[in-house]
Amino acid sequence: MALLTGRFADGLAVGSDLITTAETATRQALSGLAGPPDLVCFFICGDDPDEVSRAGLRVMKMAPDSAVIGCSATGVIGDGQGVEISPAVSVWAATLDGARLTTFALDTLRTDDRFVVVGLPERSSDDHAAILFVDPYSFPTEGFVERSQEVLGDLPLIGGLANAIQGRGAVRLFADGEVHTEGAVGVLLSGPVNISTVVSQGCRPIGPTMAVTAVEDNLLLELAGQPALARLEEIVSALDEDDRDLVASGLQIGVAMNEYAERHERGDFLIRGVLGIDPEREAVAIGDVVEIGRTVRFQVRDAATADEDLYELLDAHREEFGRVDGALLFSCNGRGSAMFGSADHDAVAVRDTLGPISVAGFFAAGEVGPVAGQNHVHGFTASVLVFSTHPGADHTYDQ
């Protein structure tokens, strides 16, 4: 059922008849508001992409005077819980008195040597953030997000990469009455609205911090003057058996966001995956390109670390801002039951720490959110957009 807050509400319905399910979830969300919605976000998990399209059209018709965006997913979040790989619809609605909401749809044009993104809204001085839902199969998400500062300045982007049970070709995006089968959709939030972001990467460092002393593309050749693979083997050999198991199940590396910090601990890094090793070159391949001189530190991730990280960040947010009204949650589809044994974990964490607020979102194939003021695409992350009554919002909390 919808959670009544007056200004924010959400609805969740589960059922194989997606149109009826969409109607139920939408009615729940809209009935929880004290007035008409200004912004509606919705998320649909279903087997048939055509039925997902019809369900999305139904949601949009039920909120004709609102800014509406949505996407398909392999799991949805709402009513304090997560639903994975089952037909379900989650709807989140908000009354944002005086806020300016500009929806948009992004497409790409291919030139001789690059993609050009078209459809971006014009920027204003009182823009606060943009919510972004992306089809990862057709849109150059990594390049667009990582270089967004060149076009959008310091505007935070938060959202996720949509997906579908049928995978490529089945992703559906929705914006103001239209169904999109590729590209990206979003909404720009401007004017008198207080928002902040929380980005929990959920990793713990192992071994020492090291400077990159030789690199080729995404291959780390040397760390602190020694072959990168030798450095990694040295670190792993010093770990206990439990941490070695974590290394085997998915080693990560953190790139320090502040090169001038005296120490680099958990929360000071942008996390990227370790993709493999090249024994002949004694190199380590990572999911990013870093420059010589950058500081890095290997990382591991497990449920306990991810749980602690998310709760600490949300607690810090609550201590600074106090009352929170609502939130959108974009959680990696590798979290949920796969990591925590429960699809409800991240939704419960948000409600545990920020209060019995309206929270909805989806399980994403990659999450978008700012770290240290820079927009990035993440994996295994929980990215949260928080709506607060505190007049000094517009902050980012990340680890």
Protein backbone atom coordinates (compact mmCIF):
# COMPACT_ATOMS: atom_id res chain seq x y z
CA MET A 1 0.00 0.00 0.00
CA ALA A 2 1.05 3.62 -0.42
CA LEU A 3 2.93 5.40 2.33
CA LEU A 4 1.14 8.65 3.14
CA THR A 5 3.35 11.70 3.69
CA GLY A 6 1.24 14.35 1.98
CA ARG A 7 3.95 15.46 -0.43
CA PHE A 8 5.49 12.08 -1.32
CA ALA A 9 3.92 8.66 -1.75
CA ASP A 10 4.68 5.32 -3.38
CA GLY A 11 2.77 2.29 -4.53
CA LEU A 12 3.80 -1.29 -5.28
CA ALA A 13 1.77 -4.01 -6.94
CA VAL A 14 2.72 -7.53 -8.03
CA GLY A 15 0.85 -9.53 -10.66
CA SER A 16 1.15 -11.06 -14.11
CA ASP A 17 -1.50 -8.77 -15.60
CA LEU A 18 0.82 -5.81 -15.91
CA ILE A 19 -1.79 -3.24 -16.93
CA THR A 20 -3.95 -4.02 -13.90
CA THR A 21 -0.82 -4.12 -11.75
CA ALA A 22 0.26 -0.72 -13.08
CA GLU A 23 -3.16 0.75 -12.38
CA THR A 24 -3.10 -0.57 -8.81
CA ALA A 25 0.37 0.77 -8.04
CA THR A 26 -0.43 4.15 -9.57
CA ARG A 27 -3.66 4.52 -7.63
CA GLN A 28 -1.81 3.67 -4.42
CA ALA A 29 0.81 6.33 -5.04
CA LEU A 30 -1.57 9.07 -6.16
CA SER A 31 -3.99 8.46 -3.30
CA GLY A 32 -1.18 8.99 -0.81
CA LEU A 33 -0.68 12.61 -1.87
CA ALA A 34 -2.47 15.56 -0.35
CA GLY A 35 -2.69 17.20 -3.78
CA PRO A 36 -2.01 16.51 -7.47
CA PRO A 37 1.46 15.15 -8.30
CA ASP A 38 4.11 17.29 -9.97
CA LEU A 39 6.53 14.40 -10.57
CA VAL A 40 5.84 10.71 -11.10
CA CYS A 41 8.54 8.06 -11.53
CA PHE A 42 7.67 4.44 -12.23
CA PHE A 43 9.41 1.12 -12.78
CA ILE A 44 8.07 -2.02 -14.46
CA CYS A 45 9.32 -5.61 -14.40
CA GLY A 46 7.63 -7.92 -16.90
CA ASP A 47 8.35 -10.76 -19.32
CA ASP A 48 6.82 -9.25 -22.48
CA PRO A 49 8.27 -5.89 -23.61
CA ASP A 50 5.06 -5.04 -25.46
CA GLU A 51 3.05 -5.56 -22.29
CA VAL A 52 5.61 -3.45 -20.40
CA SER A 53 5.00 -0.70 -22.96
CA ARG A 54 1.25 -0.89 -22.51
CA ALA A 55 1.57 -0.82 -18.74
CA GLY A 56 3.84 2.22 -18.94
CA LEU A 57 1.40 4.04 -21.19
CA ARG A 58 -1.33 3.35 -18.66
CA VAL A 59 0.69 4.86 -15.81
CA MET A 60 1.39 7.98 -17.87
CA LYS A 61 -2.30 8.39 -18.76
CA MET A 62 -3.24 8.26 -15.09
CA ALA A 63 -1.02 11.28 -14.34
CA PRO A 64 -1.65 13.48 -17.40
CA ASP A 65 -0.69 16.81 -15.82
CA SER A 66 2.55 15.63 -14.20
CA ALA A 67 6.14 15.30 -15.32
CA VAL A 68 6.39 11.52 -15.74
CA ILE A 69 9.39 9.30 -16.43
CA GLY A 70 9.92 5.57 -16.03
CA CYS A 71 11.73 2.50 -17.25
CA SER A 72 11.68 -1.28 -17.43
CA ALA A 73 13.80 -3.28 -15.01
CA THR A 74 14.56 -6.79 -13.78
CA GLY A 75 13.33 -5.81 -10.34
CA VAL A 76 11.52 -2.92 -8.66
CA ILE A 77 11.58 -1.26 -5.25
CA GLY A 78 8.60 0.19 -3.37
CA ASP A 79 6.52 -0.06 -0.19
CA GLY A 80 9.70 -0.75 1.81
CA GLN A 81 10.66 -3.84 -0.18
CA GLY A 82 12.25 -5.14 -3.35
CA VAL A 83 10.75 -7.50 -5.92
CA GLU A 84 13.19 -9.29 -8.23
CA ILE A 85 12.50 -11.16 -11.51
CA SER A 86 8.72 -11.15 -10.98
CA PRO A 87 6.03 -9.12 -12.75
CA ALA A 88 5.65 -5.97 -10.65
CA VAL A 89 5.17 -2.22 -10.90
CA SER A 90 6.45 0.44 -8.52
CA VAL A 91 5.21 4.04 -8.72
CA TRP A 92 6.56 7.06 -6.80
CA ALA A 93 4.79 10.41 -6.81
CA ALA A 94 5.71 13.81 -5.40
CA THR A 95 4.17 17.23 -4.96
CA LEU A 96 7.02 19.73 -5.33
CA ASP A 97 5.48 23.12 -4.75
CA GLY A 98 7.10 25.70 -7.01
CA ALA A 99 9.73 23.40 -8.47
CA ARG A 100 10.44 23.46 -12.22
CA LEU A 101 10.50 20.02 -13.79
CA THR A 102 11.83 19.61 -17.32
CA THR A 103 11.57 16.14 -18.82
CA PHE A 104 13.83 15.15 -21.69
CA ALA A 105 14.71 12.28 -24.01
CA LEU A 106 18.26 11.81 -25.27
CA ASP A 107 19.31 10.28 -28.58
CA THR A 108 22.71 9.84 -30.21
CA LEU A 109 24.00 10.80 -33.60
CA ARG A 110 27.00 8.94 -34.94
CA THR A 111 29.73 11.01 -36.60
CA ASP A 112 32.97 9.73 -38.15
CA ASP A 113 34.76 9.32 -34.85
CA ARG A 114 32.27 9.72 -32.02
CA PHE A 115 28.69 9.83 -30.76
CA VAL A 116 26.93 13.14 -30.28
CA VAL A 117 24.17 13.26 -27.67
CA VAL A 118 21.14 15.38 -28.56
CA GLY A 119 18.09 16.37 -26.55
CA LEU A 120 19.71 17.91 -23.48
CA PRO A 121 17.62 20.60 -21.77
CA GLU A 122 18.97 24.12 -21.42
CA ARG A 123 20.68 24.79 -18.10
CA SER A 124 19.59 27.45 -15.58
CA SER A 125 21.39 28.82 -12.54
CA ASP A 126 18.87 27.23 -10.16
CA ASP A 127 19.14 23.68 -11.53
CA HIS A 128 19.81 21.16 -8.74
CA ALA A 129 20.04 17.69 -10.31
CA ALA A 130 18.81 15.49 -13.13
CA ILE A 131 17.33 12.02 -12.79
CA LEU A 132 18.52 9.78 -15.65
CA PHE A 133 17.29 6.39 -16.90
CA VAL A 134 19.34 4.82 -19.70
CA ASP A 135 19.11 1.95 -22.17
CA PRO A 136 22.67 0.56 -21.79
CA TYR A 137 22.49 -1.31 -25.09
CA SER A 138 21.96 1.77 -27.28
CA PHE A 139 23.29 4.76 -25.35
CA PRO A 140 26.97 5.63 -24.69
CA THR A 141 26.34 5.84 -20.96
CA GLU A 142 29.91 5.70 -19.70
CA GLY A 143 31.21 8.37 -22.05
CA PHE A 144 28.23 10.65 -21.52
CA VAL A 145 28.20 10.46 -17.73
CA GLU A 146 31.96 10.59 -17.23
CA ARG A 147 32.24 13.66 -19.47
CA SER A 148 28.99 15.31 -18.40
CA GLN A 149 30.82 18.13 -16.65
CA GLU A 150 31.97 19.47 -20.01
CA VAL A 151 28.35 20.06 -21.05
CA LEU A 152 26.36 20.21 -17.81
CA GLY A 153 28.88 21.79 -15.46
CA ASP A 154 28.51 20.67 -11.86
CA LEU A 155 24.96 19.34 -12.28
CA PRO A 156 24.60 16.03 -10.40
CA LEU A 157 23.19 13.12 -12.40
CA ILE A 158 21.56 10.28 -10.51
CA GLY A 159 19.67 7.24 -11.75
CA GLY A 160 20.42 3.93 -13.33
CA LEU A 161 20.81 1.75 -16.37
CA ALA A 162 17.47 0.17 -17.21
CA ASN A 163 17.18 -3.46 -18.19
CA ALA A 164 14.56 -6.09 -18.99
CA ILE A 165 14.10 -9.78 -18.37
CA GLN A 166 14.49 -10.38 -22.12
CA GLY A 167 17.68 -8.26 -22.24
CA ARG A 168 18.85 -6.40 -25.34
CA GLY A 169 16.04 -4.95 -27.42
CA ALA A 170 13.46 -5.33 -24.65
CA VAL A 171 14.36 -2.25 -22.59
CA ARG A 172 11.62 0.36 -22.46
CA LEU A 173 11.95 3.98 -21.36
CA PHE A 174 9.05 6.34 -20.74
CA ALA A 175 8.76 10.12 -20.71
CA ASP A 176 5.62 12.27 -20.81
CA GLY A 177 3.37 9.94 -22.75
CA GLU A 178 6.00 8.47 -25.09
CA VAL A 179 7.63 5.04 -25.15
CA HIS A 180 11.30 4.92 -26.13
CA THR A 181 13.12 1.74 -27.15
CA GLU A 182 16.59 3.26 -27.03
CA GLY A 183 18.52 6.27 -25.74
CA ALA A 184 17.87 7.82 -22.33
CA VAL A 185 15.16 9.76 -20.54
CA GLY A 186 15.22 12.01 -17.52
CA VAL A 187 13.93 15.02 -15.69
CA LEU A 188 15.78 18.17 -14.67
CA LEU A 189 14.90 19.43 -11.17
CA SER A 190 15.10 23.20 -10.75
CA GLY A 191 13.84 25.98 -8.54
CA PRO A 192 12.79 25.68 -4.88
CA VAL A 193 13.44 22.00 -4.25
CA ASN A 194 15.88 20.69 -1.63
CA ILE A 195 17.70 17.55 -2.74
CA SER A 196 20.89 15.68 -1.96
CA THR A 197 22.53 12.46 -3.06
CA VAL A 198 23.93 9.45 -1.25
CA VAL A 199 26.20 7.08 -3.20
CA SER A 200 27.30 3.95 -1.36
CA GLN A 201 29.99 1.94 -3.17
CA GLY A 202 30.29 -0.60 -0.35
CA CYS A 203 33.97 -1.51 -0.55
CA ARG A 204 36.80 -2.01 1.95
CA PRO A 205 40.46 -1.35 1.06
CA ILE A 206 43.17 -4.00 1.30
CA GLY A 207 46.92 -3.48 1.14
CA PRO A 208 48.66 -0.10 0.92
CA THR A 209 47.95 2.90 -1.26
CA MET A 210 50.28 3.01 -4.27
CA ALA A 211 51.13 5.42 -7.03
CA VAL A 212 50.66 4.32 -10.62
CA THR A 213 54.15 4.48 -12.14
CA ALA A 214 53.55 2.84 -15.54
CA VAL A 215 50.32 2.34 -17.47
CA GLU A 216 49.06 1.50 -20.94
CA ASP A 217 45.39 2.14 -21.67
CA ASN A 218 43.54 0.25 -18.92
CA LEU A 219 46.54 -1.92 -18.05
CA LEU A 220 48.38 -1.09 -14.84
CA LEU A 221 51.97 -2.02 -15.61
CA GLU A 222 53.71 -0.73 -12.49
CA LEU A 223 52.57 0.26 -9.01
CA ALA A 224 55.04 2.11 -6.78
CA GLY A 225 57.87 1.22 -9.17
CA GLN A 226 57.24 -2.54 -9.20
CA PRO A 227 55.29 -4.76 -11.61
CA ALA A 228 51.59 -4.37 -10.83
CA LEU A 229 50.95 -8.12 -10.74
CA ALA A 230 53.79 -8.65 -8.26
CA ARG A 231 52.33 -5.95 -6.03
CA LEU A 232 48.91 -7.59 -6.17
CA GLU A 233 50.30 -11.05 -5.39
CA GLU A 234 52.18 -9.62 -2.42
CA ILE A 235 49.00 -8.03 -1.05
CA VAL A 236 46.88 -11.16 -1.53
CA SER A 237 49.49 -13.41 0.11
CA ALA A 238 49.25 -11.32 3.29
CA LEU A 239 45.45 -11.66 3.56
CA ASP A 240 43.55 -14.13 5.71
CA GLU A 241 41.55 -16.91 4.09
CA ASP A 242 38.23 -15.04 4.19
CA ASP A 243 39.63 -11.99 2.39
CA ARG A 244 41.35 -14.20 -0.17
CA ASP A 245 37.92 -15.67 -0.94
CA LEU A 246 36.59 -12.14 -1.45
CA VAL A 247 39.47 -11.38 -3.82
CA ALA A 248 38.65 -14.53 -5.80
CA SER A 249 34.97 -13.61 -6.03
CA GLY A 250 35.50 -10.09 -7.34
CA LEU A 251 38.53 -7.89 -6.76
CA GLN A 252 38.09 -4.13 -7.08
CA ILE A 253 40.44 -1.17 -7.21
CA GLY A 254 39.91 2.32 -5.84
CA VAL A 255 41.20 5.43 -7.58
CA ALA A 256 41.81 8.20 -5.05
CA MET A 257 39.59 11.23 -5.64
CA ASN A 258 41.86 13.61 -3.71
CA GLU A 259 45.52 13.18 -4.51
CA TYR A 260 46.50 15.68 -1.82
CA ALA A 261 44.94 13.90 1.15
CA GLU A 262 47.44 12.74 3.78
CA ARG A 263 45.72 9.36 4.02
CA HIS A 264 43.40 7.44 1.73
CA GLU A 265 40.92 5.22 3.56
CA ARG A 266 37.51 3.72 2.82
CA GLY A 267 35.32 6.32 1.17
CA ASP A 268 38.18 8.21 -0.47
CA PHE A 269 38.11 6.24 -3.72
CA LEU A 270 36.14 5.84 -6.92
CA ILE A 271 35.66 2.07 -7.18
CA ARG A 272 36.37 0.24 -10.42
CA GLY A 273 36.53 -3.48 -11.20
CA VAL A 274 39.68 -5.51 -11.74
CA LEU A 275 39.04 -7.22 -15.07
CA GLY A 276 41.95 -9.64 -15.19
CA ILE A 277 45.71 -10.07 -15.30
CA ASP A 278 48.34 -10.32 -18.03
CA PRO A 279 51.02 -12.71 -16.66
CA GLU A 280 53.41 -12.10 -19.56
CA ARG A 281 53.48 -8.36 -18.95
CA GLU A 282 52.95 -8.70 -15.18
CA ALA A 283 50.05 -6.27 -15.58
CA VAL A 284 46.60 -5.85 -14.07
CA ALA A 285 43.65 -4.82 -16.25
CA ILE A 286 41.06 -2.55 -14.63
CA GLY A 287 37.73 -1.06 -15.70
CA ASP A 288 39.05 2.47 -16.18
CA VAL A 289 41.96 4.39 -17.61
CA VAL A 290 44.13 6.15 -15.04
CA GLU A 291 47.13 8.41 -15.51
CA ILE A 292 50.66 7.95 -14.22
CA GLY A 293 50.90 9.48 -10.77
CA ARG A 294 47.36 8.65 -9.65
CA THR A 295 46.96 6.96 -6.27
CA VAL A 296 45.18 3.60 -6.16
CA ARG A 297 44.37 0.93 -3.59
CA PHE A 298 42.93 -2.53 -4.09
CA GLN A 299 39.50 -3.19 -2.56
CA VAL A 300 37.13 -6.03 -1.67
CA ARG A 301 33.37 -6.03 -1.29
CA ASP A 302 31.11 -8.24 0.77
CA ALA A 303 27.64 -8.03 2.30
CA ALA A 304 28.88 -6.90 5.72
CA THR A 305 30.99 -4.09 4.27
CA ALA A 306 28.25 -2.96 1.91
CA ASP A 307 25.69 -2.98 4.73
CA GLU A 308 27.93 -0.95 7.04
CA ASP A 309 28.82 1.51 4.31
CA LEU A 310 25.21 2.26 3.36
CA TYR A 311 24.02 2.66 6.95
CA GLU A 312 26.93 4.96 7.86
CA LEU A 313 26.28 7.25 4.90
CA LEU A 314 22.54 7.41 5.52
CA ASP A 315 23.09 8.07 9.24
CA ALA A 316 25.43 10.95 8.37
CA HIS A 317 22.80 12.37 6.05
CA ARG A 318 20.11 12.18 8.73
CA GLU A 319 22.33 13.86 11.32
CA GLU A 320 22.95 16.84 9.04
CA PHE A 321 19.56 17.29 7.42
CA GLY A 322 17.14 15.96 9.99
CA ARG A 323 13.71 15.53 8.47
CA VAL A 324 13.54 13.83 5.07
CA ASP A 325 10.36 13.63 3.00
CA GLY A 326 11.04 11.09 0.27
CA ALA A 327 13.72 9.31 -1.74
CA LEU A 328 14.39 7.52 -5.00
CA LEU A 329 16.64 4.45 -4.74
CA PHE A 330 18.68 2.95 -7.57
CA SER A 331 20.24 -0.29 -6.39
CA CYS A 332 22.52 -2.59 -8.37
CA ASN A 333 20.90 -5.83 -9.49
CA GLY A 334 23.94 -7.57 -8.00
CA ARG A 335 22.90 -6.39 -4.55
CA GLY A 336 19.50 -7.46 -3.21
CA SER A 337 19.12 -11.19 -2.65
CA ALA A 338 22.37 -11.98 -4.47
CA MET A 339 24.47 -10.03 -1.96
CA PHE A 340 22.35 -9.73 1.17
CA GLY A 341 20.03 -12.71 0.91
CA SER A 342 17.06 -10.35 0.74
CA ALA A 343 15.74 -8.11 -2.03
CA ASP A 344 14.52 -5.71 0.67
CA HIS A 345 17.92 -4.77 2.14
CA ASP A 346 18.56 -1.36 0.60
CA ALA A 347 14.95 -0.19 0.86
CA VAL A 348 14.86 -1.23 4.52
CA ALA A 349 18.16 0.55 5.18
CA VAL A 350 16.81 3.82 3.77
CA ARG A 351 13.63 3.60 5.86
CA ASP A 352 15.57 2.48 8.97
CA THR A 353 17.85 5.50 8.87
CA LEU A 354 15.89 8.31 7.21
CA GLY A 355 12.51 7.47 8.71
CA PRO A 356 9.21 5.99 7.43
CA ILE A 357 9.43 7.94 4.19
CA SER A 358 8.22 7.14 0.70
CA VAL A 359 10.96 5.26 -1.17
CA ALA A 360 10.81 3.68 -4.62
CA GLY A 361 13.20 2.75 -7.41
CA PHE A 362 14.57 -0.22 -9.30
CA PHE A 363 17.39 -2.74 -9.51
CA ALA A 364 19.71 -1.31 -12.13
CA ALA A 365 22.28 -2.77 -14.51
CA GLY A 366 24.60 0.04 -13.40
CA GLU A 367 24.03 3.07 -11.22
CA VAL A 368 24.64 6.75 -11.93
CA GLY A 369 25.65 9.12 -9.16
CA PRO A 370 28.23 11.71 -8.14
CA VAL A 371 31.36 10.92 -6.14
CA ALA A 372 33.38 13.89 -4.87
CA GLY A 373 31.39 16.20 -7.13
CA GLN A 374 31.98 14.18 -10.31
CA ASN A 375 29.32 12.08 -12.04
CA HIS A 376 30.19 8.42 -12.59
CA VAL A 377 28.69 5.11 -13.62
CA HIS A 378 29.01 2.51 -10.86
CA GLY A 379 28.45 -1.16 -10.20
CA PHE A 380 27.22 -2.84 -6.98
CA THR A 381 26.24 0.59 -5.71
CA ALA A 382 23.18 2.05 -4.01
CA SER A 383 22.53 5.56 -5.35
CA VAL A 384 19.88 7.56 -3.51
CA LEU A 385 18.25 10.88 -4.37
CA VAL A 386 16.92 12.40 -1.15
CA PHE A 387 14.23 15.09 -0.93
CA SER A 388 14.56 17.13 2.24
CA THR A 389 12.80 20.03 3.95
CA HIS A 390 16.18 21.33 5.12
CA PRO A 391 16.90 24.63 3.29
CA GLY A 392 20.59 23.87 2.93
CA ALA A 393 20.37 20.70 0.86
CA ASP A 394 22.24 20.07 -2.39
CA HIS A 395 25.00 17.98 -0.84
CA THR A 396 26.58 14.70 -1.85
CA TYR A 397 27.50 11.86 0.48
CA ASP A 398 29.58 9.13 -1.08
CA GLN A 399 31.99 6.36 -0.40
